[in-house]
């Protein structure tokens, strides 16, 4: 639209310029033309009248036309400048509007991008949380399974250890019972041996004292006299005394004590296991 208006304005100015120049050319031609008629002049004795063309008027008109042309040109230039100014302002407004629109679009896109990124971030965070929760659940399940296996293994070991301990206890009980039985048997055997040995020891002492006894005339069969004898290892007698019931008279008692001391040492070799430092010995006499 602006191109056609500019074209018509230029055409109008161009036409006006051509018209002014044509007018000026016509005036110049008219002012310089020889207006003598084609017929031969006759000397009629008439006064010749000369036509004088005022060129200053032509010049004024020409200047006026040029001034008008310049004014028209300046007006046209002003209109063109105003038009260009309006066009520049319009273009500036359009550019500003385009820039504002582009900025709004960019801001909208930025907001949309930010919203999308926020959504993606939140979704990623949610996925990460879910993944972490699943991983925690998996670890807890594995830990629970491991603890279950450990507990089962521990219980199995406890059962095995209890069974082993029970077997060991039973074995120890059997061994203890066997040892007790063996000990009892040994003690019984030992007691039997010791009893036999003790009896033999008593008999040996009885024989020893009897052999060394000088029986007094007052001694009667059925004599029973308990003696307290103190000795040291080897059988050496330290002391002897009547320490209990004795149915003999004083002479008989002294003779029995003398018989113990006369021997010097009681039987010892072979009787070490039943040796005692202090013994209660019952002297017996039932007659020859």
Protein backbone atom coordinates (compact mmCIF):
# COMPACT_ATOMS: atom_id res chain seq x y z
CA UNK A 1 0.00 0.00 0.00
CA UNK A 2 2.78 2.45 0.89
CA UNK A 3 4.60 1.60 -2.36
CA UNK A 4 1.61 2.60 -4.54
CA UNK A 5 1.06 5.85 -2.60
CA UNK A 6 4.75 6.71 -3.01
CA UNK A 7 4.55 5.89 -6.69
CA UNK A 8 1.51 8.15 -7.23
CA UNK A 9 3.14 10.97 -5.23
CA UNK A 10 6.30 10.76 -7.30
CA UNK A 11 4.23 10.66 -10.49
CA UNK A 12 2.28 13.77 -9.45
CA UNK A 13 5.47 15.68 -8.63
CA UNK A 14 7.06 14.57 -11.89
CA UNK A 15 4.01 15.68 -13.88
CA UNK A 16 3.95 19.02 -12.12
CA UNK A 17 7.64 19.54 -12.86
CA UNK A 18 7.15 18.73 -16.52
CA UNK A 19 4.22 21.15 -16.68
CA UNK A 20 6.24 23.98 -15.09
CA UNK A 21 9.15 23.42 -17.43
CA UNK A 22 6.84 23.30 -20.42
CA UNK A 23 5.23 26.58 -19.35
CA UNK A 24 8.58 28.25 -18.92
CA UNK A 25 9.76 27.00 -22.30
CA UNK A 26 6.61 28.33 -23.90
CA UNK A 27 7.06 31.73 -22.32
CA UNK A 28 10.69 31.91 -23.44
CA UNK A 29 9.73 30.98 -26.98
CA UNK A 30 6.93 33.47 -27.07
CA UNK A 31 9.20 36.19 -25.77
CA UNK A 32 11.86 35.66 -28.40
CA UNK A 33 9.67 35.05 -31.42
CA UNK A 34 9.66 37.53 -34.35
CA UNK A 35 6.06 38.44 -34.84
CA UNK A 36 6.64 40.00 -38.28
CA UNK A 37 3.87 38.95 -40.69
CA UNK A 38 4.71 36.73 -43.72
CA UNK A 39 3.52 39.29 -46.23
CA UNK A 40 5.80 41.93 -47.42
CA UNK A 41 5.54 45.01 -45.33
CA UNK A 42 4.32 48.03 -47.10
CA UNK A 43 5.65 51.37 -46.37
CA UNK A 44 2.37 52.98 -45.69
CA UNK A 45 3.90 55.62 -43.59
CA UNK A 46 2.28 54.16 -40.57
CA UNK A 47 3.77 54.24 -37.14
CA UNK A 48 5.34 50.83 -36.27
CA UNK A 49 4.26 49.49 -32.90
CA UNK A 50 6.66 47.12 -31.12
CA UNK A 51 5.53 44.46 -28.73
CA UNK A 52 7.83 44.30 -25.73
CA UNK A 53 7.68 41.12 -23.70
CA UNK A 54 8.44 41.61 -20.04
CA UNK A 55 10.92 38.82 -19.25
CA UNK A 56 11.03 39.72 -15.58
CA UNK A 57 7.45 38.58 -15.28
CA UNK A 58 8.41 35.33 -16.94
CA UNK A 59 11.32 34.99 -14.57
CA UNK A 60 9.07 35.67 -11.64
CA UNK A 61 6.60 33.12 -12.81
CA UNK A 62 9.39 30.68 -13.40
CA UNK A 63 10.78 31.33 -9.91
CA UNK A 64 7.31 30.97 -8.49
CA UNK A 65 6.91 27.69 -10.33
CA UNK A 66 10.31 26.51 -9.12
CA UNK A 67 9.50 27.55 -5.58
CA UNK A 68 6.17 25.77 -5.80
CA UNK A 69 8.00 22.77 -7.20
CA UNK A 70 10.53 22.88 -4.35
CA UNK A 71 7.79 23.35 -1.78
CA UNK A 72 5.94 20.43 -3.28
CA UNK A 73 9.16 18.43 -3.24
CA UNK A 74 9.82 19.39 0.40
CA UNK A 75 6.22 18.58 1.29
CA UNK A 76 6.55 15.30 -0.51
CA UNK A 77 9.84 14.61 1.28
CA UNK A 78 8.25 15.60 4.61
CA UNK A 79 5.35 13.29 3.86
CA UNK A 80 7.78 10.57 2.87
CA UNK A 81 9.84 11.23 5.99
CA UNK A 82 6.69 11.20 8.12
CA UNK A 83 5.59 8.08 6.35
CA UNK A 84 8.97 6.51 6.91
CA UNK A 85 8.84 7.69 10.53
CA UNK A 86 5.37 6.20 10.92
CA UNK A 87 6.63 3.09 9.20
CA UNK A 88 9.68 2.93 11.46
CA UNK A 89 7.51 3.54 14.50
CA UNK A 90 5.07 0.93 13.24
CA UNK A 91 7.92 -1.45 12.61
CA UNK A 92 9.38 -0.57 16.02
CA UNK A 93 5.99 -1.22 17.62
CA UNK A 94 5.68 -4.42 15.70
CA UNK A 95 9.21 -5.39 16.65
CA UNK A 96 8.46 -4.51 20.29
CA UNK A 97 5.25 -6.46 20.10
CA UNK A 98 7.08 -9.31 18.42
CA UNK A 99 9.83 -9.10 20.99
CA UNK A 100 7.27 -8.94 23.79
CA UNK A 101 5.41 -11.83 22.22
CA UNK A 102 8.66 -13.72 21.78
CA UNK A 103 9.60 -12.87 25.36
CA UNK A 104 6.17 -14.01 26.55
CA UNK A 105 6.59 -17.18 24.53
CA UNK A 106 10.08 -17.66 25.92
CA UNK A 107 8.84 -17.01 29.44
CA UNK A 108 5.93 -19.37 28.85
CA UNK A 109 8.31 -21.93 27.42
CA UNK A 110 10.67 -21.35 30.34
CA UNK A 111 7.80 -21.76 32.78
CA UNK A 112 6.65 -24.83 30.92
CA UNK A 113 10.20 -26.15 30.80
CA UNK A 114 10.68 -25.39 34.48
CA UNK A 115 7.34 -27.00 35.28
CA UNK A 116 8.28 -30.00 33.17
CA UNK A 117 11.71 -30.18 34.81
CA UNK A 118 10.10 -29.84 38.26
CA UNK A 119 7.68 -32.61 37.39
CA UNK A 120 10.48 -34.76 36.03
CA UNK A 121 12.57 -34.00 39.11
CA UNK A 122 9.69 -34.87 41.41
CA UNK A 123 8.99 -38.00 39.42
CA UNK A 124 12.68 -38.91 39.53
CA UNK A 125 12.77 -38.20 43.27
CA UNK A 126 9.66 -40.34 43.72
CA UNK A 127 11.22 -43.11 41.63
CA UNK A 128 14.42 -42.77 43.65
CA UNK A 129 12.43 -42.95 46.90
CA UNK A 130 10.51 -45.96 45.65
CA UNK A 131 13.75 -47.57 44.49
CA UNK A 132 15.36 -46.82 47.85
CA UNK A 133 12.32 -48.16 49.72
CA UNK A 134 12.37 -51.30 47.59
CA UNK A 135 16.11 -51.61 48.19
CA UNK A 136 15.56 -51.17 51.94
CA UNK A 137 12.81 -53.76 51.86
CA UNK A 138 15.06 -56.11 49.89
CA UNK A 139 17.93 -55.56 52.32
CA UNK A 140 15.60 -56.05 55.29
CA UNK A 141 14.22 -59.23 53.73
CA UNK A 142 17.72 -60.49 53.03
CA UNK A 143 18.81 -59.56 56.55
CA UNK A 144 15.74 -61.30 57.99
CA UNK A 145 16.47 -64.37 55.88
CA UNK A 146 20.12 -64.25 56.95
CA UNK A 147 19.10 -63.90 60.59
CA UNK A 148 16.65 -66.77 60.12
CA UNK A 149 19.39 -68.91 58.62
CA UNK A 150 21.77 -67.91 61.38
CA UNK A 151 19.14 -68.61 64.01
CA UNK A 152 18.36 -71.97 62.42
CA UNK A 153 22.05 -72.76 62.25
CA UNK A 154 22.52 -71.57 65.82
CA UNK A 155 19.59 -73.71 66.99
CA UNK A 156 20.98 -76.63 65.03
CA UNK A 157 24.37 -76.07 66.63
CA UNK A 158 22.72 -75.73 70.03
CA UNK A 159 20.78 -78.94 69.44
CA UNK A 160 23.94 -80.65 68.21
CA UNK A 161 25.88 -79.27 71.16
CA UNK A 162 23.13 -80.31 73.57
CA UNK A 163 23.03 -83.73 72.02
CA UNK A 164 26.82 -83.91 72.19
CA UNK A 165 26.73 -82.65 75.76
CA UNK A 166 24.02 -85.17 76.59
CA UNK A 167 26.06 -87.94 75.01
CA UNK A 168 29.15 -86.65 76.79
CA UNK A 169 27.21 -86.39 80.03
CA UNK A 170 25.87 -89.88 79.57
CA UNK A 171 29.38 -91.09 78.79
CA UNK A 172 30.74 -89.28 81.84
CA UNK A 173 27.90 -90.66 83.92
CA UNK A 174 28.65 -94.14 82.66
CA UNK A 175 32.33 -93.61 83.29
CA UNK A 176 31.58 -92.10 86.71
CA UNK A 177 29.26 -94.98 87.49
CA UNK A 178 31.90 -97.38 86.28
CA UNK A 179 34.51 -95.59 88.36
CA UNK A 180 32.21 -95.55 91.38
CA UNK A 181 31.51 -99.19 90.91
CA UNK A 182 35.20 -99.85 90.43
CA UNK A 183 35.99 -97.67 93.42
CA UNK A 184 33.36 -99.39 95.46
CA UNK A 185 34.64 -102.72 94.35
CA UNK A 186 38.18 -101.56 95.04
CA UNK A 187 37.16 -100.17 98.39
CA UNK A 188 35.30 -103.33 99.17
CA UNK A 189 38.25 -105.34 98.04
CA UNK A 190 40.57 -103.02 99.90
CA UNK A 191 38.34 -103.10 102.92
CA UNK A 192 38.33 -106.84 102.72
CA UNK A 193 42.06 -106.85 102.34
CA UNK A 194 42.46 -104.25 105.06
CA UNK A 195 40.10 -106.13 107.32
CA UNK A 196 42.02 -109.27 106.69
CA UNK A 197 45.30 -107.40 107.07
CA UNK A 198 44.03 -105.66 110.18
CA UNK A 199 42.91 -108.94 111.60
CA UNK A 200 46.27 -110.39 110.74
CA UNK A 201 47.93 -107.34 112.34
CA UNK A 202 45.90 -107.80 115.51
CA UNK A 203 46.74 -111.48 115.50
CA UNK A 204 50.43 -110.68 114.96
CA UNK A 205 50.41 -108.24 117.90
CA UNK A 206 48.52 -110.79 119.98
CA UNK A 207 51.06 -113.44 119.17
CA UNK A 208 53.96 -111.02 119.77
CA UNK A 209 52.64 -109.93 123.20
CA UNK A 210 51.70 -113.50 124.14
CA UNK A 211 55.15 -114.72 123.27
CA UNK A 212 56.71 -112.02 125.43
CA UNK A 213 54.18 -112.41 128.30
CA UNK A 214 55.33 -113.98 131.47
CA UNK A 215 52.00 -115.22 132.78
CA UNK A 216 51.68 -114.75 136.56
CA UNK A 217 50.07 -117.47 138.69
CA UNK A 218 47.03 -115.33 139.27
CA UNK A 219 46.14 -115.11 135.55
CA UNK A 220 43.06 -117.09 134.73
CA UNK A 221 41.65 -118.19 131.33
CA UNK A 222 39.05 -115.82 129.86
CA UNK A 223 41.30 -112.85 130.44
CA UNK A 224 40.32 -109.70 128.43
CA UNK A 225 42.34 -106.58 128.84
CA UNK A 226 42.27 -103.48 126.59
CA UNK A 227 45.54 -101.62 126.09
CA UNK A 228 46.32 -98.17 124.62
CA UNK A 229 49.59 -98.45 122.72
CA UNK A 230 51.46 -95.48 121.21
CA UNK A 231 54.06 -96.35 118.59
CA UNK A 232 56.07 -94.81 115.79
CA UNK A 233 56.58 -96.05 112.19
CA UNK A 234 58.71 -99.15 112.43
CA UNK A 235 56.66 -100.48 115.38
CA UNK A 236 58.77 -99.03 118.22
CA UNK A 237 56.56 -98.66 121.29
CA UNK A 238 56.57 -95.23 122.92
CA UNK A 239 54.09 -95.97 125.67
CA UNK A 240 51.47 -98.46 126.77
CA UNK A 241 48.69 -98.38 129.33
CA UNK A 242 45.54 -100.10 130.42
CA UNK A 243 42.82 -98.01 128.69
CA UNK A 244 39.66 -99.96 129.16
CA UNK A 245 38.05 -102.97 130.62
CA UNK A 246 40.49 -105.49 132.08
CA UNK A 247 39.39 -108.49 134.18
CA UNK A 248 42.89 -109.34 135.43
CA UNK A 249 44.41 -108.44 138.74
CA UNK A 250 47.15 -105.94 139.21
CA UNK A 251 49.96 -108.46 138.71
CA UNK A 252 48.34 -109.66 135.51
CA UNK A 253 47.98 -106.10 134.25
CA UNK A 254 51.63 -105.28 134.95
CA UNK A 255 52.75 -108.48 133.26
CA UNK A 256 50.78 -107.62 130.11
CA UNK A 257 52.26 -104.09 129.96
CA UNK A 258 55.72 -105.55 130.52
CA UNK A 259 55.18 -108.04 127.70
CA UNK A 260 54.44 -105.13 125.25
CA UNK A 261 57.44 -103.11 126.35
CA UNK A 262 59.76 -106.12 126.53
CA UNK A 263 59.41 -106.76 122.85
CA UNK A 264 60.66 -103.24 122.06
CA UNK A 265 58.89 -103.00 118.71
CA UNK A 266 55.58 -104.38 117.54
CA UNK A 267 55.18 -106.15 114.18
CA UNK A 268 55.43 -103.53 111.37
CA UNK A 269 56.83 -104.89 108.09
CA UNK A 270 54.01 -105.99 105.84
CA UNK A 271 51.44 -104.12 107.92
CA UNK A 272 52.31 -100.57 106.77
CA UNK A 273 48.83 -99.98 105.24
CA UNK A 274 47.07 -100.68 108.54
CA UNK A 275 49.66 -99.04 110.77
CA UNK A 276 48.30 -96.54 113.25
CA UNK A 277 50.24 -94.43 115.70
CA UNK A 278 47.79 -95.12 118.45
CA UNK A 279 46.01 -98.45 118.67
CA UNK A 280 43.59 -100.04 121.07
CA UNK A 281 44.71 -103.61 121.54
CA UNK A 282 42.67 -106.24 123.38
CA UNK A 283 44.88 -108.87 125.00
CA UNK A 284 43.12 -112.22 125.17
CA UNK A 285 43.99 -115.26 127.21
CA UNK A 286 41.74 -118.33 127.16
CA UNK A 287 44.17 -120.77 128.68
CA UNK A 288 46.67 -123.17 127.17
